[in-house]
Amino acid sequence: MSVHNVTRFIRASRKCWIQRVGSTNSVVSTVCSEPLIQFIIFPESAARRRFFAFTSCLILIFAFLPVYALDKPQCQNRKVDARVRVDHVIDGDTVVLADGEKLRLIGVDTPEIGYEGKPSQAGAVKARTFVQGLLKGRETVSLSYGAEKQDRYGRTLAHLFLQDGRNLQALLLAGGYATPLNMPPNVDFSDCYQRQANRAMAARLGIWRLSRYQAMPANTLTGKERGYHVIYGKISHTGNSSSSLWLNMDQHLSIRIMRDDLPYFPGLVAEDLPGRYLQVRGRLYRRHGQLILRVRHNNDLLLSDPASRTSAITNSR
């Protein structure tokens, strides 16, 4: 799937999937007594060690910010498009409204509930129970629709706010019940949602305790992996096809960025990327014998600094 021609893009600013964290949640003191975020594995080279040490420091800083932020509502609503009642909860990211309409929560993805004899994924039942507890009593909730109002399955896409104004997606992420899901053009709360996920990751809450959610080096991939993963390694080369920009990592993984999604990667310059270290997250799939991870938003990437090849991260937010 690798292609060798290089496409140049206009430099603006670089963003990353854990680049900055704003208001914070509290973290129990045991975080500092255990290895912080077990997914950070320090490679042999000094450049790599500095890069991943820097990401660890970022998480430590944001993990220990003041406790008072706990009480502050996160990811506040800008507009109310509808007030509805929820009939029941299908899983952690999908509910059914009183009129029978299915609502898919924008910006989050929870583990799948098993049906027809299939087992549920780890954390799926906890996520559903958490949402059920917040939506008990068929209370009226507020919806803020995305720029794209429906998905390909006909479900309504919206951000959901409880009667007290709390953002349900933010609560799911902050509690470690969900992973962020960036699906342009519905990325209004992407930065805020990422901050909630960062705190949960730092505290190893919920699914972030599980081995499958810990970052792994690209060169350890077997080709059998599927679903959500956090992966890091060095970009060996870049290329392009008629529809996509490709970032090839250590010859084990191809990262795909569709051309339609390139506006969500400001400052990405393809010719600057070979040799840089990258951490990427998303869903893995296999096509034509190649392991592929499609990325749709710059919040799903963490790049090392291009000049020093070390851990400095340019952040304009």
C-alpha atoms as a PDB file:
ATOM      1  CA  MET A   1       0.000   0.000   0.000  1.00  0.00           C
ATOM      2  CA  SER A   2       3.066   2.220   0.218  1.00  0.00           C
ATOM      3  CA  VAL A   3       3.467   4.779  -2.574  1.00  0.00           C
ATOM      4  CA  HIS A   4       6.695   6.684  -3.109  1.00  0.00           C
ATOM      5  CA  ASN A   5       5.669  10.046  -4.568  1.00  0.00           C
ATOM      6  CA  VAL A   6       5.573  12.834  -2.001  1.00  0.00           C
ATOM      7  CA  THR A   7       2.870  15.484  -1.758  1.00  0.00           C
ATOM      8  CA  ARG A   8       3.723  18.880  -0.241  1.00  0.00           C
ATOM      9  CA  PHE A   9       1.247  20.734   1.918  1.00  0.00           C
ATOM     10  CA  ILE A  10       1.305  24.334   3.178  1.00  0.00           C
ATOM     11  CA  ARG A  11       2.884  24.669   6.611  1.00  0.00           C
ATOM     12  CA  ALA A  12       0.667  26.191   9.315  1.00  0.00           C
ATOM     13  CA  SER A  13       0.827  24.660  12.792  1.00  0.00           C
ATOM     14  CA  ARG A  14       1.213  21.179  14.126  1.00  0.00           C
ATOM     15  CA  LYS A  15      -1.273  19.512  16.415  1.00  0.00           C
ATOM     16  CA  CYS A  16      -1.149  16.188  18.159  1.00  0.00           C
ATOM     17  CA  TRP A  17      -3.534  13.786  19.804  1.00  0.00           C
ATOM     18  CA  ILE A  18      -2.336  14.470  23.308  1.00  0.00           C
ATOM     19  CA  GLN A  19      -0.826  17.838  22.668  1.00  0.00           C
ATOM     20  CA  ARG A  20      -2.371  19.975  25.353  1.00  0.00           C
ATOM     21  CA  VAL A  21      -4.711  19.628  28.210  1.00  0.00           C
ATOM     22  CA  GLY A  22      -6.868  22.373  29.604  1.00  0.00           C
ATOM     23  CA  SER A  23      -9.073  22.122  32.651  1.00  0.00           C
ATOM     24  CA  THR A  24      -8.458  18.962  34.572  1.00  0.00           C
ATOM     25  CA  ASN A  25      -9.829  16.227  36.698  1.00  0.00           C
ATOM     26  CA  SER A  26      -8.230  15.027  39.916  1.00  0.00           C
ATOM     27  CA  VAL A  27      -5.995  11.975  40.023  1.00  0.00           C
ATOM     28  CA  VAL A  28      -5.367   9.689  42.966  1.00  0.00           C
ATOM     29  CA  SER A  29      -1.908   9.888  44.435  1.00  0.00           C
ATOM     30  CA  THR A  30      -1.096   6.326  43.465  1.00  0.00           C
ATOM     31  CA  VAL A  31      -0.390   7.502  39.942  1.00  0.00           C
ATOM     32  CA  CYS A  32       3.052   8.691  40.917  1.00  0.00           C
ATOM     33  CA  SER A  33       3.907   5.443  42.658  1.00  0.00           C
ATOM     34  CA  GLU A  34       3.294   3.298  39.601  1.00  0.00           C
ATOM     35  CA  PRO A  35       4.730   3.435  36.065  1.00  0.00           C
ATOM     36  CA  LEU A  36       2.784   6.293  34.446  1.00  0.00           C
ATOM     37  CA  ILE A  37       0.815   5.087  31.445  1.00  0.00           C
ATOM     38  CA  GLN A  38       2.194   1.642  30.882  1.00  0.00           C
ATOM     39  CA  PHE A  39       1.888   2.084  27.137  1.00  0.00           C
ATOM     40  CA  ILE A  40       4.975   4.331  27.027  1.00  0.00           C
ATOM     41  CA  ILE A  41       7.897   2.014  26.341  1.00  0.00           C
ATOM     42  CA  PHE A  42      11.248   3.720  26.024  1.00  0.00           C
ATOM     43  CA  PRO A  43      13.227   2.581  22.975  1.00  0.00           C
ATOM     44  CA  GLU A  44      16.965   2.265  22.750  1.00  0.00           C
ATOM     45  CA  SER A  45      17.919   5.482  20.960  1.00  0.00           C
ATOM     46  CA  ALA A  46      18.358   8.730  22.866  1.00  0.00           C
ATOM     47  CA  ALA A  47      16.012  10.577  20.494  1.00  0.00           C
ATOM     48  CA  ARG A  48      13.234   8.123  21.099  1.00  0.00           C
ATOM     49  CA  ARG A  49      13.794   8.142  24.835  1.00  0.00           C
ATOM     50  CA  ARG A  50      13.532  11.926  24.934  1.00  0.00           C
ATOM     51  CA  PHE A  51      10.396  11.877  22.794  1.00  0.00           C
ATOM     52  CA  PHE A  52       8.510   9.437  24.979  1.00  0.00           C
ATOM     53  CA  ALA A  53       9.865  10.943  28.177  1.00  0.00           C
ATOM     54  CA  PHE A  54       8.365  14.239  27.063  1.00  0.00           C
ATOM     55  CA  THR A  55       4.938  12.710  26.503  1.00  0.00           C
ATOM     56  CA  SER A  56       5.141  11.179  29.986  1.00  0.00           C
ATOM     57  CA  CYS A  57       5.943  14.581  31.486  1.00  0.00           C
ATOM     58  CA  LEU A  58       2.962  16.136  29.730  1.00  0.00           C
ATOM     59  CA  ILE A  59       0.635  13.555  31.188  1.00  0.00           C
ATOM     60  CA  LEU A  60       2.140  13.950  34.656  1.00  0.00           C
ATOM     61  CA  ILE A  61       1.645  17.708  34.544  1.00  0.00           C
ATOM     62  CA  PHE A  62      -1.979  17.446  33.526  1.00  0.00           C
ATOM     63  CA  ALA A  63      -2.696  14.596  35.912  1.00  0.00           C
ATOM     64  CA  PHE A  64      -1.765  16.703  38.923  1.00  0.00           C
ATOM     65  CA  LEU A  65      -3.497  19.969  38.092  1.00  0.00           C
ATOM     66  CA  PRO A  66      -5.839  21.362  40.783  1.00  0.00           C
ATOM     67  CA  VAL A  67      -8.678  19.296  42.146  1.00  0.00           C
ATOM     68  CA  TYR A  68     -11.161  22.175  42.007  1.00  0.00           C
ATOM     69  CA  ALA A  69     -11.630  21.581  38.255  1.00  0.00           C
ATOM     70  CA  LEU A  70     -13.624  18.454  39.102  1.00  0.00           C
ATOM     71  CA  ASP A  71     -16.725  20.489  39.794  1.00  0.00           C
ATOM     72  CA  LYS A  72     -16.563  22.533  36.620  1.00  0.00           C
ATOM     73  CA  PRO A  73     -18.789  21.342  33.743  1.00  0.00           C
ATOM     74  CA  GLN A  74     -16.689  20.264  30.786  1.00  0.00           C
ATOM     75  CA  CYS A  75     -17.268  20.781  27.047  1.00  0.00           C
ATOM     76  CA  GLN A  76     -20.171  23.190  27.458  1.00  0.00           C
ATOM     77  CA  ASN A  77     -22.957  23.498  24.941  1.00  0.00           C
ATOM     78  CA  ARG A  78     -22.992  26.364  22.461  1.00  0.00           C
ATOM     79  CA  LYS A  79     -26.474  25.762  21.119  1.00  0.00           C
ATOM     80  CA  VAL A  80     -29.554  23.641  21.794  1.00  0.00           C
ATOM     81  CA  ASP A  81     -31.099  22.111  18.694  1.00  0.00           C
ATOM     82  CA  ALA A  82     -33.655  19.928  20.441  1.00  0.00           C
ATOM     83  CA  ARG A  83     -34.962  18.842  23.832  1.00  0.00           C
ATOM     84  CA  VAL A  84     -35.910  15.183  23.938  1.00  0.00           C
ATOM     85  CA  ARG A  85     -36.549  12.268  26.245  1.00  0.00           C
ATOM     86  CA  VAL A  86     -34.480   9.088  26.187  1.00  0.00           C
ATOM     87  CA  ASP A  87     -36.425   5.824  26.128  1.00  0.00           C
ATOM     88  CA  HIS A  88     -33.586   3.366  26.682  1.00  0.00           C
ATOM     89  CA  VAL A  89     -29.843   2.840  26.298  1.00  0.00           C
ATOM     90  CA  ILE A  90     -28.496   0.413  23.702  1.00  0.00           C
ATOM     91  CA  ASP A  91     -24.845   0.721  24.699  1.00  0.00           C
ATOM     92  CA  GLY A  92     -22.426   3.343  25.949  1.00  0.00           C
ATOM     93  CA  ASP A  93     -22.558   5.467  22.796  1.00  0.00           C
ATOM     94  CA  THR A  94     -26.048   4.823  21.416  1.00  0.00           C
ATOM     95  CA  VAL A  95     -29.487   5.500  22.898  1.00  0.00           C
ATOM     96  CA  VAL A  96     -33.074   5.360  21.685  1.00  0.00           C
ATOM     97  CA  LEU A  97     -35.262   8.436  22.093  1.00  0.00           C
ATOM     98  CA  ALA A  98     -38.889   8.416  23.193  1.00  0.00           C
ATOM     99  CA  ASP A  99     -40.061   8.739  19.580  1.00  0.00           C
ATOM    100  CA  GLY A 100     -38.048   5.665  18.546  1.00  0.00           C
ATOM    101  CA  GLU A 101     -35.208   7.615  16.940  1.00  0.00           C
ATOM    102  CA  LYS A 102     -31.724   6.158  17.444  1.00  0.00           C
ATOM    103  CA  LEU A 103     -29.121   8.630  18.631  1.00  0.00           C
ATOM    104  CA  ARG A 104     -25.375   8.037  18.205  1.00  0.00           C
ATOM    105  CA  LEU A 105     -23.213  10.177  20.480  1.00  0.00           C
ATOM    106  CA  ILE A 106     -20.677  12.261  18.549  1.00  0.00           C
ATOM    107  CA  GLY A 107     -17.009  12.076  19.476  1.00  0.00           C
ATOM    108  CA  VAL A 108     -16.888   8.899  21.551  1.00  0.00           C
ATOM    109  CA  ASP A 109     -16.633   5.169  20.977  1.00  0.00           C
ATOM    110  CA  THR A 110     -17.354   2.641  23.706  1.00  0.00           C
ATOM    111  CA  PRO A 111     -16.632  -1.103  23.693  1.00  0.00           C
ATOM    112  CA  GLU A 112     -19.243  -3.182  21.898  1.00  0.00           C
ATOM    113  CA  ILE A 113     -22.048  -5.035  23.659  1.00  0.00           C
ATOM    114  CA  GLY A 114     -22.259  -8.636  22.506  1.00  0.00           C
ATOM    115  CA  TYR A 115     -25.457  -9.828  20.835  1.00  0.00           C
ATOM    116  CA  GLU A 116     -26.709 -13.120  19.421  1.00  0.00           C
ATOM    117  CA  GLY A 117     -24.450 -15.138  21.682  1.00  0.00           C
ATOM    118  CA  LYS A 118     -21.323 -13.060  21.070  1.00  0.00           C
ATOM    119  CA  PRO A 119     -19.438 -11.900  24.175  1.00  0.00           C
ATOM    120  CA  SER A 120     -19.326  -8.232  25.059  1.00  0.00           C
ATOM    121  CA  GLN A 121     -16.002  -6.447  24.810  1.00  0.00           C
ATOM    122  CA  ALA A 122     -14.252  -5.573  28.055  1.00  0.00           C
ATOM    123  CA  GLY A 123     -15.759  -2.411  29.493  1.00  0.00           C
ATOM    124  CA  ALA A 124     -18.918  -2.485  27.357  1.00  0.00           C
ATOM    125  CA  VAL A 125     -21.362  -3.346  30.129  1.00  0.00           C
ATOM    126  CA  LYS A 126     -19.798  -0.812  32.497  1.00  0.00           C
ATOM    127  CA  ALA A 127     -20.158   1.921  29.881  1.00  0.00           C
ATOM    128  CA  ARG A 128     -23.815   1.086  29.280  1.00  0.00           C
ATOM    129  CA  THR A 129     -24.551   0.928  33.003  1.00  0.00           C
ATOM    130  CA  PHE A 130     -22.872   4.306  33.486  1.00  0.00           C
ATOM    131  CA  VAL A 131     -25.052   5.928  30.822  1.00  0.00           C
ATOM    132  CA  GLN A 132     -28.179   4.235  32.145  1.00  0.00           C
ATOM    133  CA  GLY A 133     -27.460   5.670  35.581  1.00  0.00           C
ATOM    134  CA  LEU A 134     -27.195   9.198  34.184  1.00  0.00           C
ATOM    135  CA  LEU A 135     -30.322   8.928  32.053  1.00  0.00           C
ATOM    136  CA  LYS A 136     -32.600   7.181  34.535  1.00  0.00           C
ATOM    137  CA  GLY A 137     -36.167   8.417  34.886  1.00  0.00           C
ATOM    138  CA  ARG A 138     -36.618   9.364  31.209  1.00  0.00           C
ATOM    139  CA  GLU A 139     -35.470  12.890  31.978  1.00  0.00           C
ATOM    140  CA  THR A 140     -35.429  15.557  29.279  1.00  0.00           C
ATOM    141  CA  VAL A 141     -32.000  16.114  27.731  1.00  0.00           C
ATOM    142  CA  SER A 142     -30.649  18.642  25.243  1.00  0.00           C
ATOM    143  CA  LEU A 143     -29.106  17.827  21.886  1.00  0.00           C
ATOM    144  CA  SER A 144     -26.637  19.752  19.781  1.00  0.00           C
ATOM    145  CA  TYR A 145     -26.500  18.263  16.296  1.00  0.00           C
ATOM    146  CA  GLY A 146     -23.316  17.812  14.331  1.00  0.00           C
ATOM    147  CA  ALA A 147     -22.579  19.440  10.994  1.00  0.00           C
ATOM    148  CA  GLU A 148     -23.406  16.014   9.611  1.00  0.00           C
ATOM    149  CA  LYS A 149     -26.696  15.114  11.281  1.00  0.00           C
ATOM    150  CA  GLN A 150     -26.972  11.426  10.361  1.00  0.00           C
ATOM    151  CA  ASP A 151     -24.556   8.551   9.910  1.00  0.00           C
ATOM    152  CA  ARG A 152     -24.667   5.891   7.211  1.00  0.00           C
ATOM    153  CA  TYR A 153     -26.927   3.743   9.393  1.00  0.00           C
ATOM    154  CA  GLY A 154     -29.559   6.459   9.624  1.00  0.00           C
ATOM    155  CA  ARG A 155     -28.834   7.284  13.266  1.00  0.00           C
ATOM    156  CA  THR A 156     -29.021  10.871  14.448  1.00  0.00           C
ATOM    157  CA  LEU A 157     -25.631  12.319  15.414  1.00  0.00           C
ATOM    158  CA  ALA A 158     -25.507  14.760  18.321  1.00  0.00           C
ATOM    159  CA  HIS A 159     -23.814  15.877  21.505  1.00  0.00           C
ATOM    160  CA  LEU A 160     -26.024  15.106  24.502  1.00  0.00           C
ATOM    161  CA  PHE A 161     -26.343  17.349  27.563  1.00  0.00           C
ATOM    162  CA  LEU A 162     -28.014  16.332  30.815  1.00  0.00           C
ATOM    163  CA  GLN A 163     -30.557  18.496  32.621  1.00  0.00           C
ATOM    164  CA  ASP A 164     -27.799  19.991  34.768  1.00  0.00           C
ATOM    165  CA  GLY A 165     -25.823  20.968  31.664  1.00  0.00           C
ATOM    166  CA  ARG A 166     -23.167  18.266  31.840  1.00  0.00           C
ATOM    167  CA  ASN A 167     -21.917  16.860  28.554  1.00  0.00           C
ATOM    168  CA  LEU A 168     -22.506  13.094  28.459  1.00  0.00           C
ATOM    169  CA  GLN A 169     -19.627  12.454  26.053  1.00  0.00           C
ATOM    170  CA  ALA A 170     -17.226  14.373  28.296  1.00  0.00           C
ATOM    171  CA  LEU A 171     -18.327  12.297  31.287  1.00  0.00           C
ATOM    172  CA  LEU A 172     -17.773   9.047  29.384  1.00  0.00           C
ATOM    173  CA  LEU A 173     -14.265  10.075  28.365  1.00  0.00           C
ATOM    174  CA  ALA A 174     -13.275  11.491  31.748  1.00  0.00           C
ATOM    175  CA  GLY A 175     -14.332   8.264  33.451  1.00  0.00           C
ATOM    176  CA  GLY A 176     -12.405   6.001  31.078  1.00  0.00           C
ATOM    177  CA  TYR A 177     -15.542   4.455  29.601  1.00  0.00           C
ATOM    178  CA  ALA A 178     -14.823   5.500  26.002  1.00  0.00           C
ATOM    179  CA  THR A 179     -12.115   6.424  23.537  1.00  0.00           C
ATOM    180  CA  PRO A 180     -12.268   9.666  21.538  1.00  0.00           C
ATOM    181  CA  LEU A 181     -13.667   9.296  18.030  1.00  0.00           C
ATOM    182  CA  ASN A 182     -12.885  12.070  15.550  1.00  0.00           C
ATOM    183  CA  MET A 183     -15.146  11.906  12.518  1.00  0.00           C
ATOM    184  CA  PRO A 184     -15.059  15.110  10.447  1.00  0.00           C
ATOM    185  CA  PRO A 185     -16.969  17.289   9.957  1.00  0.00           C
ATOM    186  CA  ASN A 186     -18.413  16.582  13.444  1.00  0.00           C
ATOM    187  CA  VAL A 187     -15.405  17.734  15.462  1.00  0.00           C
ATOM    188  CA  ASP A 188     -16.754  20.788  17.318  1.00  0.00           C
ATOM    189  CA  PHE A 189     -15.745  19.430  20.742  1.00  0.00           C
ATOM    190  CA  SER A 190     -12.729  17.430  19.614  1.00  0.00           C
ATOM    191  CA  ASP A 191     -10.143  19.373  21.637  1.00  0.00           C
ATOM    192  CA  CYS A 192     -12.235  19.377  24.792  1.00  0.00           C
ATOM    193  CA  TYR A 193     -13.046  15.686  24.475  1.00  0.00           C
ATOM    194  CA  GLN A 194      -9.369  14.923  24.054  1.00  0.00           C
ATOM    195  CA  ARG A 195      -8.595  16.724  27.302  1.00  0.00           C
ATOM    196  CA  GLN A 196     -11.084  14.507  29.140  1.00  0.00           C
ATOM    197  CA  ALA A 197      -9.522  11.376  27.643  1.00  0.00           C
ATOM    198  CA  ASN A 198      -6.015  12.572  28.554  1.00  0.00           C
ATOM    199  CA  ARG A 199      -6.945  12.790  32.215  1.00  0.00           C
ATOM    200  CA  ALA A 200      -8.485   9.326  32.195  1.00  0.00           C
ATOM    201  CA  MET A 201      -5.373   7.937  30.505  1.00  0.00           C
ATOM    202  CA  ALA A 202      -3.106   9.625  33.047  1.00  0.00           C
ATOM    203  CA  ALA A 203      -5.076   8.109  35.916  1.00  0.00           C
ATOM    204  CA  ARG A 204      -5.480   4.771  34.117  1.00  0.00           C
ATOM    205  CA  LEU A 205      -9.225   4.812  34.607  1.00  0.00           C
ATOM    206  CA  GLY A 206     -11.572   2.268  33.090  1.00  0.00           C
ATOM    207  CA  ILE A 207     -10.490   0.849  29.756  1.00  0.00           C
ATOM    208  CA  TRP A 208      -7.086   2.550  30.018  1.00  0.00           C
ATOM    209  CA  ARG A 209      -6.078  -0.120  32.548  1.00  0.00           C
ATOM    210  CA  LEU A 210      -6.526  -2.842  29.930  1.00  0.00           C
ATOM    211  CA  SER A 211      -3.566  -4.203  27.986  1.00  0.00           C
ATOM    212  CA  ARG A 212      -5.227  -3.774  24.598  1.00  0.00           C
ATOM    213  CA  TYR A 213      -5.382   0.003  25.112  1.00  0.00           C
ATOM    214  CA  GLN A 214      -1.689   0.371  25.968  1.00  0.00           C
ATOM    215  CA  ALA A 215       0.571   1.732  23.224  1.00  0.00           C
ATOM    216  CA  MET A 216       2.728  -0.729  21.350  1.00  0.00           C
ATOM    217  CA  PRO A 217       5.726  -0.332  19.016  1.00  0.00           C
ATOM    218  CA  ALA A 218       4.854  -0.652  15.348  1.00  0.00           C
ATOM    219  CA  ASN A 219       7.585  -3.234  14.820  1.00  0.00           C
ATOM    220  CA  THR A 220       5.850  -5.629  17.224  1.00  0.00           C
ATOM    221  CA  LEU A 221       2.635  -5.784  15.186  1.00  0.00           C
ATOM    222  CA  THR A 222       1.842  -9.275  13.959  1.00  0.00           C
ATOM    223  CA  GLY A 223      -0.689  -8.289  11.306  1.00  0.00           C
ATOM    224  CA  LYS A 224      -3.524  -9.965  13.168  1.00  0.00           C
ATOM    225  CA  GLU A 225      -4.445  -6.918  15.259  1.00  0.00           C
ATOM    226  CA  ARG A 226      -7.859  -5.344  14.737  1.00  0.00           C
ATOM    227  CA  GLY A 227      -9.855  -2.585  16.358  1.00  0.00           C
ATOM    228  CA  TYR A 228      -8.664   0.335  18.435  1.00  0.00           C
ATOM    229  CA  HIS A 229      -4.928   0.565  19.174  1.00  0.00           C
ATOM    230  CA  VAL A 230      -2.305   3.118  20.183  1.00  0.00           C
ATOM    231  CA  ILE A 231       0.892   2.584  18.179  1.00  0.00           C
ATOM    232  CA  TYR A 232       4.241   4.361  18.001  1.00  0.00           C
ATOM    233  CA  GLY A 233       7.303   4.144  15.821  1.00  0.00           C
ATOM    234  CA  LYS A 234       9.359   5.886  13.128  1.00  0.00           C
ATOM    235  CA  ILE A 235       7.956   6.999   9.784  1.00  0.00           C
ATOM    236  CA  SER A 236      10.068   5.248   7.160  1.00  0.00           C
ATOM    237  CA  HIS A 237       8.624   7.021   4.125  1.00  0.00           C
ATOM    238  CA  THR A 238       5.557   8.844   2.857  1.00  0.00           C
ATOM    239  CA  GLY A 239       3.662   8.656  -0.367  1.00  0.00           C
ATOM    240  CA  ASN A 240       0.403   9.412  -2.065  1.00  0.00           C
ATOM    241  CA  SER A 241      -2.282   7.782  -4.103  1.00  0.00           C
ATOM    242  CA  SER A 242      -5.135   9.398  -5.973  1.00  0.00           C
ATOM    243  CA  SER A 243      -7.242   9.517  -2.805  1.00  0.00           C
ATOM    244  CA  SER A 244      -4.835   9.551   0.145  1.00  0.00           C
ATOM    245  CA  LEU A 245      -1.594  10.546   1.801  1.00  0.00           C
ATOM    246  CA  TRP A 246       0.215   7.530   3.268  1.00  0.00           C
ATOM    247  CA  LEU A 247       2.593   7.501   6.232  1.00  0.00           C
ATOM    248  CA  ASN A 248       4.464   4.211   6.386  1.00  0.00           C
ATOM    249  CA  MET A 249       5.771   3.290   9.805  1.00  0.00           C
ATOM    250  CA  ASP A 250       8.708   0.899  10.155  1.00  0.00           C
ATOM    251  CA  GLN A 251       7.385  -1.110   7.184  1.00  0.00           C
ATOM    252  CA  HIS A 252       4.791  -2.697   9.457  1.00  0.00           C
ATOM    253  CA  LEU A 253       1.929  -0.238   9.258  1.00  0.00           C
ATOM    254  CA  SER A 254       0.460   2.181   6.733  1.00  0.00           C
ATOM    255  CA  ILE A 255      -1.324   5.217   8.126  1.00  0.00           C
ATOM    256  CA  ARG A 256      -3.911   6.593   5.732  1.00  0.00           C
ATOM    257  CA  ILE A 257      -5.096  10.207   5.576  1.00  0.00           C
ATOM    258  CA  MET A 258      -7.765  10.770   2.957  1.00  0.00           C
ATOM    259  CA  ARG A 259      -7.356  13.943   0.918  1.00  0.00           C
ATOM    260  CA  ASP A 260     -10.806  15.107   1.990  1.00  0.00           C
ATOM    261  CA  ASP A 261      -9.554  15.047   5.602  1.00  0.00           C
ATOM    262  CA  LEU A 262      -6.293  16.971   4.996  1.00  0.00           C
ATOM    263  CA  PRO A 263      -7.820  20.314   6.117  1.00  0.00           C
ATOM    264  CA  TYR A 264      -7.995  18.774   9.613  1.00  0.00           C
ATOM    265  CA  PHE A 265      -4.178  18.379   9.599  1.00  0.00           C
ATOM    266  CA  PRO A 266      -2.936  21.984   9.346  1.00  0.00           C
ATOM    267  CA  GLY A 267       0.810  22.243   8.941  1.00  0.00           C
ATOM    268  CA  LEU A 268       1.342  18.642   7.898  1.00  0.00           C
ATOM    269  CA  VAL A 269       4.248  18.691   5.408  1.00  0.00           C
ATOM    270  CA  ALA A 270       4.754  15.257   3.907  1.00  0.00           C
ATOM    271  CA  GLU A 271       8.396  15.746   2.947  1.00  0.00           C
ATOM    272  CA  ASP A 272       9.295  16.597   6.559  1.00  0.00           C
ATOM    273  CA  LEU A 273       7.902  13.371   8.002  1.00  0.00           C
ATOM    274  CA  PRO A 274      10.359  10.553   7.101  1.00  0.00           C
ATOM    275  CA  GLY A 275      12.592   9.759  10.065  1.00  0.00           C
ATOM    276  CA  ARG A 276      10.301  11.367  12.623  1.00  0.00           C
ATOM    277  CA  TYR A 277       8.745   9.460  15.485  1.00  0.00           C
ATOM    278  CA  LEU A 278       5.003   9.225  15.623  1.00  0.00           C
ATOM    279  CA  GLN A 279       2.344   8.030  18.022  1.00  0.00           C
ATOM    280  CA  VAL A 280      -0.988   7.342  16.376  1.00  0.00           C
ATOM    281  CA  ARG A 281      -4.305   5.956  17.528  1.00  0.00           C
ATOM    282  CA  GLY A 282      -7.338   4.539  15.805  1.00  0.00           C
ATOM    283  CA  ARG A 283      -8.865   1.368  14.401  1.00  0.00           C
ATOM    284  CA  LEU A 284      -6.661  -1.110  12.605  1.00  0.00           C
ATOM    285  CA  TYR A 285      -7.844  -3.099   9.623  1.00  0.00           C
ATOM    286  CA  ARG A 286      -6.179  -5.242   6.985  1.00  0.00           C
ATOM    287  CA  ARG A 287      -6.413  -4.683   3.245  1.00  0.00           C
ATOM    288  CA  HIS A 288      -4.523  -6.482   0.480  1.00  0.00           C
ATOM    289  CA  GLY A 289      -2.235  -8.015   3.080  1.00  0.00           C
ATOM    290  CA  GLN A 290      -1.302  -4.633   4.584  1.00  0.00           C
ATOM    291  CA  LEU A 291      -2.169  -3.441   8.088  1.00  0.00           C
ATOM    292  CA  ILE A 292      -3.781   0.003   7.830  1.00  0.00           C
ATOM    293  CA  LEU A 293      -4.892   2.650  10.293  1.00  0.00           C
ATOM    294  CA  ARG A 294      -6.982   5.507   8.930  1.00  0.00           C
ATOM    295  CA  VAL A 295      -6.626   8.823  10.757  1.00  0.00           C
ATOM    296  CA  ARG A 296      -9.135  11.634  10.191  1.00  0.00           C
ATOM    297  CA  HIS A 297      -8.065  14.403  12.570  1.00  0.00           C
ATOM    298  CA  ASN A 298      -4.781  15.784  13.897  1.00  0.00           C
ATOM    299  CA  ASN A 299      -5.832  15.088  17.494  1.00  0.00           C
ATOM    300  CA  ASP A 300      -5.067  11.441  16.715  1.00  0.00           C
ATOM    301  CA  LEU A 301      -1.384  12.095  15.989  1.00  0.00           C
ATOM    302  CA  LEU A 302       1.631  12.922  18.144  1.00  0.00           C
ATOM    303  CA  LEU A 303       4.746  13.881  16.172  1.00  0.00           C
ATOM    304  CA  SER A 304       8.257  14.554  17.392  1.00  0.00           C
ATOM    305  CA  ASP A 305       9.860  17.885  16.505  1.00  0.00           C
ATOM    306  CA  PRO A 306      11.181  17.878  12.920  1.00  0.00           C
ATOM    307  CA  ALA A 307      14.284  20.006  13.561  1.00  0.00           C
ATOM    308  CA  SER A 308      15.796  18.213  16.518  1.00  0.00           C
ATOM    309  CA  ARG A 309      14.255  14.785  15.918  1.00  0.00           C
ATOM    310  CA  THR A 310      13.539  14.773  19.626  1.00  0.00           C
ATOM    311  CA  SER A 311      10.541  15.318  21.798  1.00  0.00           C
ATOM    312  CA  ALA A 312       9.627  18.978  21.328  1.00  0.00           C
ATOM    313  CA  ILE A 313       6.075  19.441  20.092  1.00  0.00           C
ATOM    314  CA  THR A 314       4.810  22.524  18.324  1.00  0.00           C
ATOM    315  CA  ASN A 315       1.448  23.513  19.739  1.00  0.00           C
ATOM    316  CA  SER A 316      -0.409  26.590  18.605  1.00  0.00           C
ATOM    317  CA  ARG A 317      -3.610  26.014  20.567  1.00  0.00           C
END
